[in-house]
C-alpha atoms as a PDB file:
ATOM      1  CA  MET A   1     -18.340 -10.013  -4.916  1.00  0.00           C
ATOM      2  CA  SER A   2     -17.114 -12.840  -2.754  1.00  0.00           C
ATOM      3  CA  LEU A   3     -14.156 -13.215  -0.438  1.00  0.00           C
ATOM      4  CA  LEU A   4     -12.305 -15.055  -3.216  1.00  0.00           C
ATOM      5  CA  ASP A   5     -12.669 -12.212  -5.740  1.00  0.00           C
ATOM      6  CA  ILE A   6     -10.381  -9.722  -3.972  1.00  0.00           C
ATOM      7  CA  ALA A   7      -7.168 -11.071  -5.527  1.00  0.00           C
ATOM      8  CA  SER A   8      -8.537 -10.757  -9.068  1.00  0.00           C
ATOM      9  CA  ILE A   9      -9.876  -7.265  -8.311  1.00  0.00           C
ATOM     10  CA  ILE A  10      -6.452  -6.173  -7.056  1.00  0.00           C
ATOM     11  CA  GLU A  11      -4.686  -7.740 -10.049  1.00  0.00           C
ATOM     12  CA  GLN A  12      -6.994  -5.898 -12.453  1.00  0.00           C
ATOM     13  CA  MET A  13      -6.403  -2.600 -10.665  1.00  0.00           C
ATOM     14  CA  LEU A  14      -2.629  -3.046 -10.862  1.00  0.00           C
ATOM     15  CA  LEU A  15      -2.913  -3.314 -14.657  1.00  0.00           C
ATOM     16  CA  ALA A  16      -3.920   0.363 -14.803  1.00  0.00           C
ATOM     17  CA  SER A  17      -0.254   1.424 -14.900  1.00  0.00           C
ATOM     18  CA  GLU A  18       3.254   0.217 -14.133  1.00  0.00           C
ATOM     19  CA  ASN A  19       3.463   3.080 -11.624  1.00  0.00           C
ATOM     20  CA  VAL A  20       0.493   2.302  -9.361  1.00  0.00           C
ATOM     21  CA  SER A  21       1.515   3.228  -5.806  1.00  0.00           C
ATOM     22  CA  ASP A  22      -1.795   2.813  -3.957  1.00  0.00           C
ATOM     23  CA  LEU A  23      -5.179   1.152  -4.268  1.00  0.00           C
ATOM     24  CA  ASN A  24      -8.124   2.863  -2.542  1.00  0.00           C
ATOM     25  CA  PHE A  25     -11.547   1.484  -1.668  1.00  0.00           C
ATOM     26  CA  SER A  26     -14.147   3.824  -0.113  1.00  0.00           C
ATOM     27  CA  CYS A  27     -17.904   3.690   0.199  1.00  0.00           C
ATOM     28  CA  GLY A  28     -19.630   5.843  -2.430  1.00  0.00           C
ATOM     29  CA  GLN A  29     -16.538   5.925  -4.683  1.00  0.00           C
ATOM     30  CA  LYS A  30     -15.315   3.734  -7.514  1.00  0.00           C
ATOM     31  CA  PRO A  31     -12.168   1.816  -6.609  1.00  0.00           C
ATOM     32  CA  GLN A  32      -9.204   4.106  -7.254  1.00  0.00           C
ATOM     33  CA  VAL A  33      -5.531   3.731  -8.122  1.00  0.00           C
ATOM     34  CA  GLU A  34      -2.906   6.326  -7.358  1.00  0.00           C
ATOM     35  CA  VAL A  35      -0.341   6.889 -10.095  1.00  0.00           C
ATOM     36  CA  ASN A  36       2.374   9.518  -9.652  1.00  0.00           C
ATOM     37  CA  GLY A  37       0.376  11.219  -6.900  1.00  0.00           C
ATOM     38  CA  VAL A  38      -2.899  11.426  -8.869  1.00  0.00           C
ATOM     39  CA  LEU A  39      -5.996   9.324  -8.113  1.00  0.00           C
ATOM     40  CA  TYR A  40      -7.775   7.660 -11.025  1.00  0.00           C
ATOM     41  CA  PRO A  41     -11.012   5.662 -10.931  1.00  0.00           C
ATOM     42  CA  ALA A  42     -10.610   1.981 -11.680  1.00  0.00           C
ATOM     43  CA  SER A  43     -13.555  -0.286 -12.327  1.00  0.00           C
ATOM     44  CA  PRO A  44     -12.341  -3.856 -12.060  1.00  0.00           C
ATOM     45  CA  VAL A  45     -14.881  -6.519 -12.986  1.00  0.00           C
ATOM     46  CA  GLY A  46     -17.434  -3.828 -13.674  1.00  0.00           C
ATOM     47  CA  LEU A  47     -17.460  -2.461 -10.125  1.00  0.00           C
ATOM     48  CA  GLY A  48     -19.018   0.966  -9.941  1.00  0.00           C
ATOM     49  CA  ARG A  49     -19.349   3.090  -6.836  1.00  0.00           C
ATOM     50  CA  LEU A  50     -18.759   0.831  -3.861  1.00  0.00           C
ATOM     51  CA  THR A  51     -21.465   0.201  -1.301  1.00  0.00           C
ATOM     52  CA  SER A  52     -20.864  -0.085   2.422  1.00  0.00           C
ATOM     53  CA  TYR A  53     -21.393  -3.837   2.080  1.00  0.00           C
ATOM     54  CA  GLN A  54     -18.769  -4.121  -0.660  1.00  0.00           C
ATOM     55  CA  THR A  55     -16.109  -2.208   1.289  1.00  0.00           C
ATOM     56  CA  GLU A  56     -16.833  -4.414   4.302  1.00  0.00           C
ATOM     57  CA  VAL A  57     -16.398  -7.556   2.190  1.00  0.00           C
ATOM     58  CA  ILE A  58     -13.080  -6.211   0.846  1.00  0.00           C
ATOM     59  CA  ALA A  59     -11.910  -5.372   4.380  1.00  0.00           C
ATOM     60  CA  LEU A  60     -12.889  -8.829   5.659  1.00  0.00           C
ATOM     61  CA  SER A  61     -11.165 -10.494   2.700  1.00  0.00           C
ATOM     62  CA  LEU A  62      -7.923  -8.706   3.479  1.00  0.00           C
ATOM     63  CA  ILE A  63      -8.030  -9.214   7.245  1.00  0.00           C
ATOM     64  CA  ARG A  64      -9.403 -12.751   7.467  1.00  0.00           C
ATOM     65  CA  ASP A  65      -6.042 -14.452   8.110  1.00  0.00           C
ATOM     66  CA  ASN A  66      -4.889 -11.865  10.629  1.00  0.00           C
ATOM     67  CA  PRO A  67      -6.760 -12.191  13.962  1.00  0.00           C
ATOM     68  CA  ASP A  68      -4.579  -9.551  15.666  1.00  0.00           C
ATOM     69  CA  ALA A  69      -5.430  -6.959  13.028  1.00  0.00           C
ATOM     70  CA  ALA A  70      -9.109  -7.942  13.189  1.00  0.00           C
ATOM     71  CA  ALA A  71      -9.108  -7.423  16.962  1.00  0.00           C
ATOM     72  CA  GLN A  72      -7.391  -4.057  16.517  1.00  0.00           C
ATOM     73  CA  LEU A  73     -10.006  -3.012  13.951  1.00  0.00           C
ATOM     74  CA  VAL A  74     -12.828  -3.878  16.351  1.00  0.00           C
ATOM     75  CA  LYS A  75     -11.135  -2.085  19.251  1.00  0.00           C
ATOM     76  CA  THR A  76      -9.849   1.095  17.582  1.00  0.00           C
ATOM     77  CA  ARG A  77     -11.715   1.211  14.232  1.00  0.00           C
ATOM     78  CA  THR A  78      -8.393   1.042  12.371  1.00  0.00           C
ATOM     79  CA  ALA A  79      -5.909  -1.700  11.539  1.00  0.00           C
ATOM     80  CA  ASP A  80      -2.561  -1.919   9.787  1.00  0.00           C
ATOM     81  CA  LEU A  81      -1.525  -5.176   8.158  1.00  0.00           C
ATOM     82  CA  SER A  82       0.260  -6.644   5.178  1.00  0.00           C
ATOM     83  CA  TYR A  83      -1.254  -8.469   2.239  1.00  0.00           C
ATOM     84  CA  ALA A  84       0.416 -10.382  -0.582  1.00  0.00           C
ATOM     85  CA  LEU A  85      -0.501 -11.689  -3.971  1.00  0.00           C
ATOM     86  CA  PRO A  86       1.918 -14.623  -3.946  1.00  0.00           C
ATOM     87  CA  GLY A  87       4.635 -14.249  -6.536  1.00  0.00           C
ATOM     88  CA  LYS A  88       3.253 -10.911  -7.740  1.00  0.00           C
ATOM     89  CA  CYS A  89       3.091  -8.102  -5.240  1.00  0.00           C
ATOM     90  CA  ARG A  90       2.964  -7.132  -1.568  1.00  0.00           C
ATOM     91  CA  PHE A  91       1.025  -4.341   0.119  1.00  0.00           C
ATOM     92  CA  ARG A  92       1.018  -2.344   3.325  1.00  0.00           C
ATOM     93  CA  VAL A  93      -2.691  -2.047   4.164  1.00  0.00           C
ATOM     94  CA  ASN A  94      -4.658   0.346   6.350  1.00  0.00           C
ATOM     95  CA  ILE A  95      -8.323  -0.439   7.008  1.00  0.00           C
ATOM     96  CA  PHE A  96     -10.315   2.154   8.893  1.00  0.00           C
ATOM     97  CA  GLN A  97     -13.923   2.792   9.763  1.00  0.00           C
ATOM     98  CA  GLN A  98     -15.533   6.136   9.116  1.00  0.00           C
ATOM     99  CA  ARG A  99     -19.168   7.163   8.835  1.00  0.00           C
ATOM    100  CA  ASN A 100     -20.267   3.570   9.562  1.00  0.00           C
ATOM    101  CA  SER A 101     -18.378   2.079   6.623  1.00  0.00           C
ATOM    102  CA  TYR A 102     -14.884   0.803   5.919  1.00  0.00           C
ATOM    103  CA  SER A 103     -12.213   2.390   3.773  1.00  0.00           C
ATOM    104  CA  ILE A 104      -9.081   0.613   2.658  1.00  0.00           C
ATOM    105  CA  VAL A 105      -5.775   1.994   1.419  1.00  0.00           C
ATOM    106  CA  MET A 106      -3.249  -0.461   0.024  1.00  0.00           C
ATOM    107  CA  ARG A 107       0.311   0.799  -0.563  1.00  0.00           C
ATOM    108  CA  VAL A 108       2.248  -1.236  -3.149  1.00  0.00           C
ATOM    109  CA  ILE A 109       5.579  -2.516  -1.831  1.00  0.00           C
ATOM    110  CA  PRO A 110       7.938  -3.225  -4.729  1.00  0.00           C
ATOM    111  CA  HIS A 111       9.624  -6.644  -4.765  1.00  0.00           C
ATOM    112  CA  GLU A 112      12.990  -5.208  -5.638  1.00  0.00           C
ATOM    113  CA  ILE A 113      14.778  -2.410  -3.845  1.00  0.00           C
ATOM    114  CA  PRO A 114      15.831   0.177  -6.428  1.00  0.00           C
ATOM    115  CA  SER A 115      19.552   0.649  -6.966  1.00  0.00           C
ATOM    116  CA  PHE A 116      21.220   3.916  -6.051  1.00  0.00           C
ATOM    117  CA  GLU A 117      21.813   4.559  -9.752  1.00  0.00           C
ATOM    118  CA  SER A 118      18.181   3.912 -10.731  1.00  0.00           C
ATOM    119  CA  LEU A 119      17.057   6.577  -8.240  1.00  0.00           C
ATOM    120  CA  ARG A 120      19.205   9.125 -10.124  1.00  0.00           C
ATOM    121  CA  LEU A 121      20.504  10.662  -6.912  1.00  0.00           C
ATOM    122  CA  PRO A 122      23.625  12.821  -6.785  1.00  0.00           C
ATOM    123  CA  PRO A 123      26.630  10.487  -6.331  1.00  0.00           C
ATOM    124  CA  HIS A 124      27.858  12.263  -3.181  1.00  0.00           C
ATOM    125  CA  LEU A 125      24.735  11.107  -1.334  1.00  0.00           C
ATOM    126  CA  ALA A 126      26.155   7.561  -1.412  1.00  0.00           C
ATOM    127  CA  ASP A 127      28.655   8.735   1.216  1.00  0.00           C
ATOM    128  CA  ILE A 128      25.806   8.974   3.739  1.00  0.00           C
ATOM    129  CA  ALA A 129      25.610   5.180   3.809  1.00  0.00           C
ATOM    130  CA  GLU A 130      29.157   5.093   5.166  1.00  0.00           C
ATOM    131  CA  ILE A 131      28.545   7.401   8.154  1.00  0.00           C
ATOM    132  CA  ARG A 132      29.236   5.509  11.389  1.00  0.00           C
ATOM    133  CA  ASN A 133      28.483   8.171  14.039  1.00  0.00           C
ATOM    134  CA  GLY A 134      25.684  10.658  14.479  1.00  0.00           C
ATOM    135  CA  VAL A 135      22.152  10.775  13.183  1.00  0.00           C
ATOM    136  CA  VAL A 136      21.034  10.868   9.578  1.00  0.00           C
ATOM    137  CA  LEU A 137      17.467  11.971   8.893  1.00  0.00           C
ATOM    138  CA  LEU A 138      15.704  10.831   5.731  1.00  0.00           C
ATOM    139  CA  THR A 139      12.829  13.134   4.877  1.00  0.00           C
ATOM    140  CA  GLY A 140      10.564  13.553   1.898  1.00  0.00           C
ATOM    141  CA  PRO A 141       6.988  13.313   0.718  1.00  0.00           C
ATOM    142  CA  THR A 142       4.930  10.142   0.948  1.00  0.00           C
ATOM    143  CA  GLY A 143       5.915   7.646  -1.713  1.00  0.00           C
ATOM    144  CA  SER A 144       9.348   9.141  -2.383  1.00  0.00           C
ATOM    145  CA  GLY A 145      11.217   5.991  -1.313  1.00  0.00           C
ATOM    146  CA  LYS A 146      12.379   6.917   2.188  1.00  0.00           C
ATOM    147  CA  SER A 147      11.687   3.458   3.594  1.00  0.00           C
ATOM    148  CA  LEU A 148      13.428   1.721   0.719  1.00  0.00           C
ATOM    149  CA  ASP A 149      16.510   3.945   1.028  1.00  0.00           C
ATOM    150  CA  ALA A 150      16.738   3.459   4.780  1.00  0.00           C
ATOM    151  CA  ARG A 151      16.392  -0.314   4.524  1.00  0.00           C
ATOM    152  CA  ARG A 152      18.963  -0.597   1.732  1.00  0.00           C
ATOM    153  CA  ASN A 153      21.523   1.630   3.462  1.00  0.00           C
ATOM    154  CA  TYR A 154      21.146   0.342   7.021  1.00  0.00           C
ATOM    155  CA  ARG A 155      24.301  -1.277   8.305  1.00  0.00           C
ATOM    156  CA  PRO A 156      24.254  -2.427  11.939  1.00  0.00           C
ATOM    157  CA  HIS A 157      27.350  -1.685  13.999  1.00  0.00           C
END
């Protein structure tokens, strides 16, 4: 595996399902995809259980153009950054060090914000977007679309 292979590895993992929400890379495990809250092994380009070296190469591939994130990783053993496959997909990435190896979690960020109708929410919830005073709290489990809803409905005063 070289630094240039990471994009093709990610692309192959995304082919596992239309509903992949996360990609996971951990030492001693096969690369994994999360689909509808369930982790499944994915073996792109014949990768089996990842070695410490392989997870480090993946981490360095993702962080190489982000010196601030690299410095944060060295200082705190964790870094948050973004990564993009141009024209295909974007990710929110967390790289962290544990037991002397790196682990990487990549959350898929959809290109398009889902419409209110496509989320199949009760119509009266649309009224929340019109509230001008007070505080509205969006809560829900990880991956339920809280960030997307907040971004779509935010209207500055």
